[in-house]
Amino acid sequence: MLGVAGGVLLVVVGGAAYSLVEVVRHQSDVTDVYFDAIVRAERLSTDLEDAGTSVEAFVASGYDGALTGLETWDLRPAEASRTRLSEAFGEDSAQVVRADEALDAVRAWRDGFALPAVEHTAATGESTLPVELRRTGGDLRAEADVAVDGLVDRLAADREQSADELATWTRTLFLAVVALAVASLAGAGLVWSTLRRRVLGPLAALSEKAQAVSRGALHQEVSVAGPGEIAALSAAVESMRVSLVEEMATVSASRAEIAEAHRQVTEQAEELRRSNRDLEQFAYVASHDLQEPLRKVASFTQLLQKRYGGQLDDRADQYIEFAVDGAKRMQRLIQDLLGFSRVGRSLEDPAPVDLDEAGSAALSNLESTVEATGAVVRMGGLPTVVGHRSLLVQLFQNLVGNAIKFRDPDRDPEVVVGAARYDGGWELWCRDNGIGVDPQYAERVFVIFQRLHPKDVYEGTGIGLALCKKIVEFHGGTIGIDPPDPDHPGTTVRWTIPDVIDTTREDAEPAGWDVVGPSGTGVALSSTTDTARVEDREASRSSGPAADHKERQ
């Protein structure tokens, strides 16, 4: 049934298409080809009349200006019309034959009478033409008029016939379009009926059964009768239902195991967080308690140095100096470690920080170093960012201090700190004219305890840049060293601070903890200053007997 409907529709479409082609062709002939040819044929007749009048006037008067009609006569439009007729209807068509006859007759009159008459009058000055020439001119003119009029009549008749055919094909096209519309409606109705009976109906039944299964009726069989594709879909859905029923049993059995595993994972995660907090507190306490024996060593070695300095040999004095220096360096190292461990452990929320003010505070801390080295530090126009002021002051202090420390001995140190906006935050840099950093060590310098120079060349603990990296990353940024620039010696440290940071830590602790040392004595540490104060008291107790002995001596 659908095949028959499709065949009928195809025939109707073919007829409509052919009718449309014929309508377009005849419309082009009527409105373009024939119309243009008739206009140019009538113009040829008019030009022939004007040329004849010009010749007669020149013969009668001998005035050259009378020849305007003959001299401006142009046969090219008529020849172009003949070419177009040939392209439209063929070289042997009646229209082309009539056009050739008209052109030949016009040329014969021009060449056989008009031009000889003008030459005769111009040569003799006579106002009359020879009888034979005048008779020949009359015959040629009559033939030309007949040929041109015949061309016009032929073209007009052919145009009228083509117009009639255009009207016929237009009616045919209209009927074909109507038939196409009727056939399309009939075909659409037939297709809809077939689609509803063979596709939509089975799909609706399949959908209803599938929805019943989705509502919980897992034992509802899903199968419908229909074409091959519908039957295959039904079988696939039924297979899926069977697999679902089988997997539901497995899922139910596994759900309890998953819940138990989740409970265990939660407990382990909590245990890990608790363990991390204990480890961090242990590290802090251990670092604090390590200072007590160091303090005693430093105190007693200093007492030895004061009491027996100059009384022993030079080597003994050197050994004592080594011991004092080592104890002091160990104390600085532990203090730096404590500062490193405190980064990111503040419970305070981030707040707006004026980096110009933070940089000024850092320079104030470095005032003695700047004056001693004659360094020039240029810093200004820095933005206000969201962060922790104390950490940002420490960041500037470490970077500027490093730039001054690693200065080039051949020139005065210069340090420039600047900032530029980027999408989502600020990019800052600290540029100096110092000794620079080898590119292969550009990442290594940010690792804790990594040094590129011996301790006797540049003092320090190897924690400064690692602390800078931790501060920048705590604020959500990144830090690195630019590749060396041959035109600008020195080092450029570049870091970023985003507009919005998240410094929330689940394991955050106050900057100072209530610490109970191994001796069981409770020591309240609320800040680095308090820690140092307690340590000084402990050192005083430890060094008391020695001090009393010295006083007595």
Protein backbone atom coordinates (compact mmCIF):
# COMPACT_ATOMS: atom_id res chain seq x y z
CA MET A 1 0.00 0.00 0.00
CA LEU A 2 2.78 2.37 0.92
CA GLY A 3 4.64 1.37 -2.28
CA VAL A 4 1.63 2.27 -4.47
CA ALA A 5 1.20 5.59 -2.70
CA GLY A 6 4.89 6.31 -3.13
CA GLY A 7 4.75 5.50 -6.87
CA VAL A 8 1.76 7.79 -7.43
CA LEU A 9 3.41 10.57 -5.50
CA LEU A 10 6.60 10.15 -7.55
CA VAL A 11 4.68 10.41 -10.84
CA VAL A 12 2.88 13.54 -9.67
CA VAL A 13 6.14 15.12 -8.54
CA GLY A 14 7.76 14.30 -11.90
CA GLY A 15 4.86 15.86 -13.82
CA ALA A 16 4.96 18.98 -11.68
CA ALA A 17 8.71 19.32 -12.18
CA TYR A 18 8.42 18.94 -15.98
CA SER A 19 5.58 21.47 -16.08
CA LEU A 20 7.68 23.92 -14.09
CA VAL A 21 10.58 23.54 -16.53
CA GLU A 22 8.30 24.23 -19.51
CA VAL A 23 6.74 27.24 -17.81
CA VAL A 24 10.17 28.71 -17.14
CA ARG A 25 11.32 28.04 -20.72
CA HIS A 26 8.27 29.57 -22.41
CA GLN A 27 8.26 32.50 -20.01
CA SER A 28 11.87 33.21 -20.96
CA ASP A 29 11.01 33.02 -24.66
CA VAL A 30 8.01 35.34 -24.37
CA THR A 31 9.41 37.95 -22.00
CA ASP A 32 13.03 37.91 -23.04
CA VAL A 33 14.02 36.31 -26.36
CA TYR A 34 11.04 37.23 -28.56
CA PHE A 35 10.52 40.61 -26.94
CA ASP A 36 14.15 41.64 -27.50
CA ALA A 37 14.15 40.30 -31.08
CA ILE A 38 10.95 42.18 -32.01
CA VAL A 39 12.25 45.44 -30.51
CA ARG A 40 15.50 45.18 -32.48
CA ALA A 41 13.70 44.19 -35.72
CA GLU A 42 11.44 47.24 -35.44
CA ARG A 43 14.52 49.36 -34.75
CA LEU A 44 16.11 47.91 -37.92
CA SER A 45 13.04 49.00 -39.90
CA THR A 46 13.22 52.51 -38.41
CA ASP A 47 16.97 52.78 -39.08
CA LEU A 48 16.37 51.68 -42.70
CA GLU A 49 13.77 54.40 -43.14
CA ASP A 50 16.11 57.04 -41.65
CA ALA A 51 18.99 55.92 -43.87
CA GLY A 52 16.81 56.16 -47.00
CA THR A 53 15.67 59.66 -46.06
CA SER A 54 19.29 60.72 -45.45
CA VAL A 55 20.38 59.48 -48.91
CA GLU A 56 17.52 61.27 -50.69
CA ALA A 57 18.24 64.52 -48.80
CA PHE A 58 21.97 64.37 -49.63
CA VAL A 59 21.27 63.68 -53.33
CA ALA A 60 18.85 66.60 -53.48
CA SER A 61 21.00 69.14 -51.57
CA GLY A 62 24.57 67.84 -51.65
CA TYR A 63 24.83 68.83 -47.96
CA ASP A 64 27.07 66.45 -45.99
CA GLY A 65 25.10 66.97 -42.78
CA ALA A 66 22.13 65.25 -44.41
CA LEU A 67 24.01 61.91 -44.25
CA THR A 68 23.74 61.63 -40.43
CA GLY A 69 21.07 58.91 -40.61
CA LEU A 70 23.22 56.79 -42.94
CA GLU A 71 26.49 57.35 -41.11
CA THR A 72 25.06 56.49 -37.66
CA TRP A 73 23.27 53.41 -38.95
CA ASP A 74 24.50 50.40 -36.91
CA LEU A 75 23.56 46.84 -37.83
CA ARG A 76 25.24 45.28 -34.77
CA PRO A 77 22.09 45.22 -32.56
CA ALA A 78 20.24 43.33 -35.31
CA GLU A 79 23.16 40.95 -35.75
CA ALA A 80 23.28 40.35 -31.96
CA SER A 81 19.56 39.60 -32.02
CA ARG A 82 20.14 37.07 -34.83
CA THR A 83 22.86 35.37 -32.72
CA ARG A 84 20.54 35.12 -29.73
CA LEU A 85 17.77 33.63 -31.85
CA SER A 86 20.25 31.05 -33.10
CA GLU A 87 21.22 30.15 -29.53
CA ALA A 88 17.58 29.89 -28.44
CA PHE A 89 16.01 28.05 -31.39
CA GLY A 90 18.86 26.66 -33.49
CA GLU A 91 20.71 27.73 -36.61
CA ASP A 92 18.11 26.20 -38.97
CA SER A 93 15.03 27.61 -37.23
CA ALA A 94 12.53 29.76 -39.15
CA GLN A 95 13.28 32.75 -36.95
CA VAL A 96 17.00 32.65 -37.82
CA VAL A 97 16.22 32.19 -41.55
CA ARG A 98 13.94 35.27 -41.53
CA ALA A 99 16.58 37.27 -39.62
CA ASP A 100 19.24 36.33 -42.20
CA GLU A 101 16.90 37.32 -45.05
CA ALA A 102 16.21 40.71 -43.46
CA LEU A 103 19.89 41.43 -42.78
CA ASP A 104 20.92 40.36 -46.30
CA ALA A 105 18.24 42.55 -47.89
CA VAL A 106 19.22 45.58 -45.79
CA ARG A 107 22.91 45.13 -46.60
CA ALA A 108 22.06 44.71 -50.31
CA TRP A 109 20.16 48.04 -50.34
CA ARG A 110 22.98 49.77 -48.47
CA ASP A 111 25.77 48.39 -50.65
CA GLY A 112 23.83 48.36 -53.97
CA PHE A 113 22.13 51.77 -53.78
CA ALA A 114 22.78 53.95 -50.73
CA LEU A 115 26.56 54.03 -50.89
CA PRO A 116 26.78 54.28 -54.75
CA ALA A 117 24.20 57.12 -54.74
CA VAL A 118 26.21 59.06 -52.15
CA GLU A 119 29.44 58.51 -54.11
CA HIS A 120 27.82 59.66 -57.37
CA THR A 121 26.40 62.84 -55.89
CA ALA A 122 29.66 63.64 -54.10
CA ALA A 123 31.62 63.13 -57.33
CA THR A 124 29.35 64.92 -59.85
CA GLY A 125 27.45 67.36 -57.65
CA GLU A 126 24.28 66.47 -59.59
CA SER A 127 20.97 66.42 -57.76
CA THR A 128 19.57 63.59 -59.87
CA LEU A 129 20.66 59.99 -60.04
CA PRO A 130 20.99 57.84 -63.12
CA VAL A 131 17.75 56.09 -64.03
CA GLU A 132 19.26 52.62 -63.75
CA LEU A 133 20.65 53.35 -60.26
CA ARG A 134 17.35 54.81 -59.10
CA ARG A 135 15.44 51.77 -60.45
CA THR A 136 17.86 49.38 -58.72
CA GLY A 137 17.52 51.35 -55.47
CA GLY A 138 13.75 51.15 -55.57
CA ASP A 139 13.79 47.39 -56.10
CA LEU A 140 16.33 46.78 -53.33
CA ARG A 141 14.41 49.03 -50.94
CA ALA A 142 11.18 47.19 -51.59
CA GLU A 143 12.88 43.84 -50.96
CA ALA A 144 14.44 45.16 -47.72
CA ASP A 145 11.11 46.51 -46.47
CA VAL A 146 9.38 43.21 -47.23
CA ALA A 147 12.13 41.18 -45.52
CA VAL A 148 12.19 43.34 -42.38
CA ASP A 149 8.40 43.44 -42.11
CA GLY A 150 8.32 39.69 -42.65
CA LEU A 151 10.82 39.22 -39.77
CA VAL A 152 8.70 41.40 -37.46
CA ASP A 153 5.52 39.56 -38.38
CA ARG A 154 7.16 36.16 -37.93
CA LEU A 155 8.55 37.05 -34.51
CA ALA A 156 5.21 38.49 -33.38
CA ALA A 157 3.37 35.34 -34.48
CA ASP A 158 5.89 33.05 -32.80
CA ARG A 159 5.71 35.11 -29.61
CA GLU A 160 1.94 34.83 -29.59
CA GLN A 161 2.17 31.06 -30.02
CA SER A 162 4.74 30.80 -27.22
CA ALA A 163 2.48 32.91 -24.98
CA ASP A 164 -0.39 30.47 -25.63
CA GLU A 165 1.88 27.53 -24.76
CA LEU A 166 2.98 29.37 -21.61
CA ALA A 167 -0.62 29.72 -20.52
CA THR A 168 -1.22 26.02 -21.21
CA TRP A 169 1.80 24.88 -19.23
CA THR A 170 0.92 27.28 -16.41
CA ARG A 171 -2.48 25.62 -16.08
CA THR A 172 -0.82 22.23 -16.24
CA LEU A 173 1.59 23.23 -13.48
CA PHE A 174 -1.27 24.45 -11.31
CA LEU A 175 -3.11 21.18 -11.74
CA ALA A 176 0.08 19.25 -10.99
CA VAL A 177 0.60 21.22 -7.78
CA VAL A 178 -2.99 20.58 -6.72
CA ALA A 179 -2.57 16.89 -7.50
CA LEU A 180 0.71 16.87 -5.57
CA ALA A 181 -0.97 18.43 -2.55
CA VAL A 182 -3.81 15.92 -2.66
CA ALA A 183 -1.40 13.02 -3.13
CA SER A 184 0.77 14.30 -0.27
CA LEU A 185 -2.20 14.53 2.08
CA ALA A 186 -3.37 11.08 1.09
CA GLY A 187 0.14 9.66 1.47
CA ALA A 188 0.57 11.36 4.84
CA GLY A 189 -2.70 9.90 6.05
CA LEU A 190 -1.71 6.44 4.86
CA VAL A 191 1.74 6.72 6.44
CA TRP A 192 0.25 7.93 9.72
CA SER A 193 -2.23 5.08 9.79
CA THR A 194 0.47 2.51 9.08
CA LEU A 195 2.88 4.11 11.55
CA ARG A 196 0.27 4.16 14.28
CA ARG A 197 -0.74 0.57 13.70
CA ARG A 198 2.71 -0.97 13.28
CA VAL A 199 5.02 1.31 15.27
CA LEU A 200 3.36 3.72 17.67
CA GLY A 201 0.91 1.17 19.06
CA PRO A 202 3.56 -1.44 19.90
CA LEU A 203 5.87 1.25 21.27
CA ALA A 204 3.11 2.59 23.52
CA ALA A 205 2.46 -0.92 24.85
CA LEU A 206 6.19 -1.44 25.38
CA SER A 207 6.47 1.91 27.18
CA GLU A 208 3.56 1.07 29.47
CA LYS A 209 5.11 -2.24 30.50
CA ALA A 210 8.54 -0.63 30.96
CA GLN A 211 7.01 2.04 33.22
CA ALA A 212 5.34 -0.68 35.26
CA VAL A 213 8.75 -2.28 35.75
CA SER A 214 10.25 1.10 36.71
CA ARG A 215 7.53 1.52 39.36
CA GLY A 216 8.66 -1.70 41.01
CA ALA A 217 6.82 -4.47 39.16
CA LEU A 218 10.08 -6.21 38.35
CA HIS A 219 8.34 -9.50 37.52
CA GLN A 220 6.16 -7.88 34.82
CA GLU A 221 7.11 -9.50 31.50
CA VAL A 222 8.01 -6.94 28.83
CA SER A 223 7.14 -8.32 25.38
CA VAL A 224 5.02 -6.96 22.50
CA ALA A 225 4.27 -8.03 18.93
CA GLY A 226 5.42 -5.80 16.09
CA PRO A 227 7.85 -5.37 13.20
CA GLY A 228 11.39 -6.71 13.43
CA GLU A 229 12.88 -3.60 15.05
CA ILE A 230 10.08 -3.31 17.62
CA ALA A 231 10.35 -7.01 18.43
CA ALA A 232 14.14 -6.69 18.83
CA LEU A 233 13.67 -3.69 21.13
CA SER A 234 11.10 -5.60 23.17
CA ALA A 235 13.46 -8.55 23.52
CA ALA A 236 16.30 -6.23 24.59
CA VAL A 237 14.13 -4.57 27.23
CA GLU A 238 12.97 -7.96 28.53
CA SER A 239 16.58 -9.12 28.72
CA MET A 240 17.45 -5.96 30.61
CA ARG A 241 14.56 -6.57 33.04
CA VAL A 242 15.76 -10.09 33.72
CA SER A 243 19.31 -8.84 34.28
CA LEU A 244 17.96 -6.10 36.54
CA VAL A 245 16.08 -8.59 38.69
CA GLU A 246 19.22 -10.69 39.02
CA GLU A 247 21.41 -7.69 39.83
CA MET A 248 18.96 -6.32 42.38
CA ALA A 249 19.54 -9.37 44.50
CA THR A 250 23.29 -8.82 44.26
CA VAL A 251 22.90 -5.11 45.03
CA SER A 252 20.79 -5.81 48.07
CA ALA A 253 23.42 -8.22 49.33
CA SER A 254 26.22 -5.73 48.63
CA ARG A 255 24.51 -2.71 50.14
CA ALA A 256 25.17 -3.82 53.69
CA GLU A 257 28.82 -4.47 52.84
CA ILE A 258 29.12 -1.00 51.27
CA ALA A 259 27.60 0.64 54.34
CA GLU A 260 30.03 -1.20 56.57
CA ALA A 261 32.96 -0.24 54.33
CA HIS A 262 31.84 3.40 54.38
CA ARG A 263 31.71 3.35 58.15
CA GLN A 264 35.21 1.93 58.33
CA VAL A 265 36.55 4.50 55.83
CA THR A 266 34.98 7.32 57.85
CA GLU A 267 36.56 6.03 61.04
CA GLN A 268 39.94 5.68 59.34
CA ALA A 269 39.73 9.21 57.90
CA GLU A 270 38.97 10.60 61.35
CA GLU A 271 41.84 8.58 62.79
CA LEU A 272 44.17 9.97 60.10
CA ARG A 273 43.12 13.55 60.86
CA ARG A 274 43.65 12.95 64.56
CA SER A 275 47.02 11.35 63.86
CA ASN A 276 48.08 14.30 61.68
CA ARG A 277 47.15 16.74 64.42
CA ASP A 278 49.09 14.69 66.97
CA LEU A 279 52.12 14.49 64.67
CA GLU A 280 52.11 18.24 64.04
CA GLN A 281 51.78 18.99 67.74
CA PHE A 282 54.53 16.51 68.47
CA ALA A 283 56.79 18.21 65.93
CA TYR A 284 56.10 21.58 67.51
CA VAL A 285 56.71 20.30 71.04
CA ALA A 286 59.82 18.41 69.97
CA SER A 287 61.23 21.51 68.28
CA HIS A 288 60.50 23.53 71.42
CA ASP A 289 62.04 20.99 73.80
CA LEU A 290 65.12 20.63 71.60
CA GLN A 291 66.04 24.19 72.48
CA GLU A 292 66.46 23.48 76.21
CA PRO A 293 69.62 21.33 75.92
CA LEU A 294 70.91 23.67 73.20
CA ARG A 295 70.36 26.61 75.50
CA LYS A 296 72.33 24.86 78.23
CA VAL A 297 75.15 24.05 75.83
CA ALA A 298 75.24 27.64 74.59
CA SER A 299 75.09 29.05 78.14
CA PHE A 300 77.89 26.91 79.50
CA THR A 301 80.10 27.31 76.44
CA GLN A 302 79.64 31.06 76.69
CA LEU A 303 80.60 30.87 80.38
CA LEU A 304 83.66 28.86 79.40
CA GLN A 305 84.50 31.45 76.77
CA LYS A 306 84.14 34.35 79.21
CA ARG A 307 85.96 32.65 82.11
CA TYR A 308 88.75 30.85 80.35
CA GLY A 309 89.07 32.92 77.18
CA GLY A 310 92.73 33.67 76.65
CA GLN A 311 93.82 31.28 79.43
CA LEU A 312 93.85 28.23 77.18
CA ASP A 313 95.70 27.75 73.94
CA ASP A 314 94.38 29.11 70.65
CA ARG A 315 92.98 25.76 69.58
CA ALA A 316 90.91 25.46 72.78
CA ASP A 317 89.52 28.96 72.22
CA GLN A 318 88.66 27.96 68.65
CA TYR A 319 86.88 24.82 69.84
CA ILE A 320 84.83 26.82 72.32
CA GLU A 321 83.95 29.33 69.58
CA PHE A 322 82.88 26.47 67.29
CA ALA A 323 80.64 25.07 70.06
CA VAL A 324 79.00 28.45 70.73
CA ASP A 325 78.48 29.12 67.02
CA GLY A 326 77.02 25.65 66.42
CA ALA A 327 74.59 26.01 69.32
CA LYS A 328 73.45 29.42 68.08
CA ARG A 329 72.98 28.17 64.54
CA MET A 330 70.99 25.20 65.84
CA GLN A 331 68.77 27.56 67.82
CA ARG A 332 68.20 29.69 64.71
CA LEU A 333 67.40 26.56 62.73
CA ILE A 334 64.84 25.41 65.29
CA GLN A 335 63.29 28.88 65.43
CA ASP A 336 63.01 28.88 61.63
CA LEU A 337 61.45 25.42 61.74
CA LEU A 338 58.90 26.63 64.27
CA GLY A 339 58.06 29.57 62.02
CA PHE A 340 57.82 27.23 59.04
CA SER A 341 55.42 24.92 60.90
CA ARG A 342 53.20 27.82 61.99
CA VAL A 343 52.47 28.95 58.40
CA GLY A 344 48.85 28.22 57.60
CA ARG A 345 47.87 27.37 61.16
CA SER A 346 46.21 30.66 62.05
CA LEU A 347 42.52 30.56 62.86
CA GLU A 348 42.11 34.19 61.83
CA ASP A 349 40.12 34.85 58.68
CA PRO A 350 41.91 36.48 55.73
CA ALA A 351 41.54 40.27 55.67
CA PRO A 352 42.51 43.08 53.29
CA VAL A 353 46.24 43.79 53.55
CA ASP A 354 47.90 46.89 52.11
CA LEU A 355 51.07 45.47 50.57
CA ASP A 356 52.71 48.91 50.56
CA GLU A 357 52.31 49.01 54.35
CA ALA A 358 53.40 45.37 54.71
CA GLY A 359 56.47 46.04 52.59
CA SER A 360 57.33 49.11 54.66
CA ALA A 361 57.10 47.00 57.82
CA ALA A 362 59.46 44.45 56.28
CA LEU A 363 61.94 47.17 55.31
CA SER A 364 61.76 48.55 58.84
CA ASN A 365 62.82 45.11 60.12
CA LEU A 366 65.70 45.13 57.62
CA GLU A 367 66.73 48.73 58.30
CA SER A 368 70.11 47.84 59.82
CA THR A 369 70.92 45.45 56.96
CA VAL A 370 69.96 48.03 54.34
CA GLU A 371 72.08 50.71 55.97
CA ALA A 372 75.06 48.41 56.46
CA THR A 373 75.13 47.28 52.83
CA GLY A 374 74.11 50.59 51.22
CA ALA A 375 71.28 48.80 49.43
CA VAL A 376 68.68 50.74 47.44
CA VAL A 377 65.19 49.24 47.75
CA ARG A 378 62.42 50.64 45.55
CA MET A 379 58.93 49.57 46.52
CA GLY A 380 55.63 51.33 45.86
CA GLY A 381 52.31 51.21 44.08
CA LEU A 382 51.57 47.78 45.49
CA PRO A 383 47.93 46.64 45.69
CA THR A 384 45.72 45.69 48.60
CA VAL A 385 45.09 41.94 48.69
CA VAL A 386 43.20 39.50 50.90
CA GLY A 387 45.49 37.55 53.19
CA HIS A 388 47.36 37.45 56.50
CA ARG A 389 49.44 40.54 57.21
CA SER A 390 52.09 38.87 59.38
CA LEU A 391 52.80 36.23 56.75
CA LEU A 392 52.99 38.78 53.94
CA VAL A 393 55.40 40.93 55.98
CA GLN A 394 57.54 37.82 56.51
CA LEU A 395 57.37 37.11 52.76
CA PHE A 396 58.66 40.59 51.83
CA GLN A 397 61.29 40.46 54.57
CA ASN A 398 62.66 37.11 53.39
CA LEU A 399 62.72 38.04 49.69
CA VAL A 400 64.30 41.48 50.15
CA GLY A 401 66.72 40.08 52.75
CA ASN A 402 67.76 37.32 50.35
CA ALA A 403 68.25 39.85 47.55
CA ILE A 404 70.57 41.91 49.77
CA LYS A 405 72.38 38.85 51.17
CA PHE A 406 73.27 37.46 47.73
CA ARG A 407 74.50 40.78 46.35
CA ASP A 408 77.27 41.17 43.80
CA PRO A 409 80.42 42.48 45.53
CA ASP A 410 81.25 44.58 42.45
CA ARG A 411 78.17 46.81 42.68
CA ASP A 412 75.82 48.31 45.23
CA PRO A 413 72.73 46.15 45.77
CA GLU A 414 69.49 47.36 44.19
CA VAL A 415 66.12 45.73 44.82
CA VAL A 416 62.86 46.56 43.03
CA VAL A 417 59.49 45.23 44.19
CA GLY A 418 56.55 45.71 41.82
CA ALA A 419 53.12 44.38 40.95
CA ALA A 420 50.86 43.98 37.92
CA ARG A 421 47.25 42.96 37.54
CA TYR A 422 46.30 39.68 35.86
CA ASP A 423 42.97 37.97 35.35
CA GLY A 424 41.87 36.85 38.79
CA GLY A 425 44.56 38.35 40.98
CA TRP A 426 47.92 40.11 41.23
CA GLU A 427 51.39 39.16 40.05
CA LEU A 428 54.28 40.54 42.10
CA TRP A 429 58.03 40.37 41.65
CA CYS A 430 61.23 41.10 43.56
CA ARG A 431 64.13 41.91 41.20
CA ASP A 432 67.74 42.43 42.29
CA ASN A 433 71.14 42.92 40.66
CA GLY A 434 72.91 40.26 42.69
CA ILE A 435 74.81 37.12 41.77
CA GLY A 436 71.75 35.40 40.30
CA VAL A 437 70.63 31.76 40.39
CA ASP A 438 71.69 29.04 37.98
CA PRO A 439 68.52 27.95 36.04
CA GLN A 440 69.11 24.30 36.98
CA TYR A 441 68.64 25.24 40.65
CA ALA A 442 65.59 27.49 40.13
CA GLU A 443 63.27 24.95 41.77
CA ARG A 444 65.73 23.48 44.23
CA VAL A 445 66.13 26.78 46.11
CA PHE A 446 62.49 26.51 47.30
CA VAL A 447 63.11 23.13 48.97
CA ILE A 448 63.67 23.27 52.71
CA PHE A 449 67.32 22.99 53.88
CA GLN A 450 68.61 23.28 50.30
CA ARG A 451 71.67 25.54 50.05
CA LEU A 452 73.66 26.51 46.94
CA HIS A 453 76.63 27.96 48.85
CA PRO A 454 78.73 26.85 51.84
CA LYS A 455 77.69 28.16 55.27
CA ASP A 456 80.95 30.06 55.65
CA VAL A 457 80.24 32.04 52.44
CA TYR A 458 76.57 32.97 53.04
CA GLU A 459 74.99 32.45 56.44
CA GLY A 460 71.49 31.07 56.82
CA THR A 461 69.51 27.93 57.55
CA GLY A 462 68.19 27.11 54.07
CA ILE A 463 64.57 27.66 55.13
CA GLY A 464 63.94 31.23 53.93
CA LEU A 465 62.75 30.58 50.36
CA ALA A 466 60.95 27.39 51.42
CA LEU A 467 59.04 29.53 53.92
CA CYS A 468 58.25 32.03 51.14
CA LYS A 469 56.86 29.24 48.97
CA LYS A 470 54.71 27.95 51.83
CA ILE A 471 53.34 31.45 52.51
CA VAL A 472 52.51 32.05 48.84
CA GLU A 473 50.87 28.64 48.41
CA PHE A 474 48.91 29.20 51.64
CA HIS A 475 47.48 32.32 49.96
CA GLY A 476 46.54 30.27 46.87
CA GLY A 477 49.35 31.50 44.62
CA THR A 478 52.48 30.20 42.96
CA ILE A 479 56.11 31.32 43.15
CA GLY A 480 59.13 30.83 40.93
CA ILE A 481 62.32 32.36 39.55
CA ASP A 482 62.40 33.93 36.07
CA PRO A 483 64.97 32.65 33.56
CA PRO A 484 68.15 34.79 33.56
CA ASP A 485 68.17 37.90 31.38
CA PRO A 486 71.61 38.64 29.82
CA ASP A 487 70.79 42.36 29.73
CA HIS A 488 69.77 42.54 33.40
CA PRO A 489 71.97 40.50 35.75
CA GLY A 490 70.52 39.32 39.01
CA THR A 491 67.49 37.35 40.12
CA THR A 492 63.76 37.98 39.66
CA VAL A 493 61.45 36.10 42.03
CA ARG A 494 57.86 36.23 40.77
CA TRP A 495 54.74 35.16 42.68
CA THR A 496 50.96 35.50 42.45
CA ILE A 497 48.20 36.24 44.94
CA PRO A 498 44.63 35.55 43.74
CA ASP A 499 41.72 37.83 44.58
CA VAL A 500 39.90 35.12 46.54
CA ILE A 501 41.73 32.55 48.64
CA ASP A 502 40.61 29.67 50.80
CA THR A 503 42.78 29.29 53.84
CA THR A 504 40.30 27.13 55.73
CA ARG A 505 41.95 24.12 57.33
CA GLU A 506 40.07 21.37 59.13
CA ASP A 507 43.16 20.72 61.25
CA ALA A 508 43.95 24.37 61.99
CA GLU A 509 45.32 25.07 65.43
CA PRO A 510 46.11 28.36 67.16
CA ALA A 511 49.52 29.86 66.47
CA GLY A 512 50.54 28.85 70.02
CA TRP A 513 49.47 25.70 71.85
CA ASP A 514 49.24 24.65 75.46
CA VAL A 515 52.25 22.39 75.56
CA VAL A 516 53.19 19.96 78.30
CA GLY A 517 56.87 19.10 78.08
CA PRO A 518 58.42 15.77 78.87
CA SER A 519 59.07 16.88 82.44
CA GLY A 520 55.35 17.33 82.97
CA THR A 521 55.63 21.05 83.54
CA GLY A 522 52.83 22.99 81.88
CA VAL A 523 54.12 25.82 79.71
CA ALA A 524 51.62 28.16 78.00
CA LEU A 525 52.98 29.18 74.59
CA SER A 526 50.87 31.87 72.99
CA SER A 527 53.45 33.36 70.64
CA THR A 528 57.07 33.20 69.59
CA THR A 529 57.89 36.00 72.04
CA ASP A 530 56.32 34.10 74.93
CA THR A 531 58.24 31.01 73.89
CA ALA A 532 61.52 32.90 73.94
CA ARG A 533 60.65 34.39 77.32
CA VAL A 534 59.98 30.98 78.85
CA GLU A 535 63.16 29.63 77.25
CA ASP A 536 65.16 32.49 78.79
CA ARG A 537 63.79 31.64 82.22
CA GLU A 538 64.72 27.99 81.73
CA ALA A 539 68.21 29.02 80.60
CA SER A 540 68.58 31.20 83.67
CA ARG A 541 67.69 28.28 85.92
CA SER A 542 70.06 25.97 84.09
CA SER A 543 72.95 28.41 84.12
CA GLY A 544 72.30 29.72 87.63
CA PRO A 545 74.96 27.73 89.55
CA ALA A 546 77.63 28.53 87.03
CA ALA A 547 76.74 32.19 87.13
CA ASP A 548 76.80 32.25 90.91
CA HIS A 549 80.17 30.57 90.86
CA LYS A 550 81.50 33.19 88.47
CA GLU A 551 80.24 35.99 90.67
CA ARG A 552 81.89 34.45 93.62
CA GLN A 553 85.12 34.18 91.74
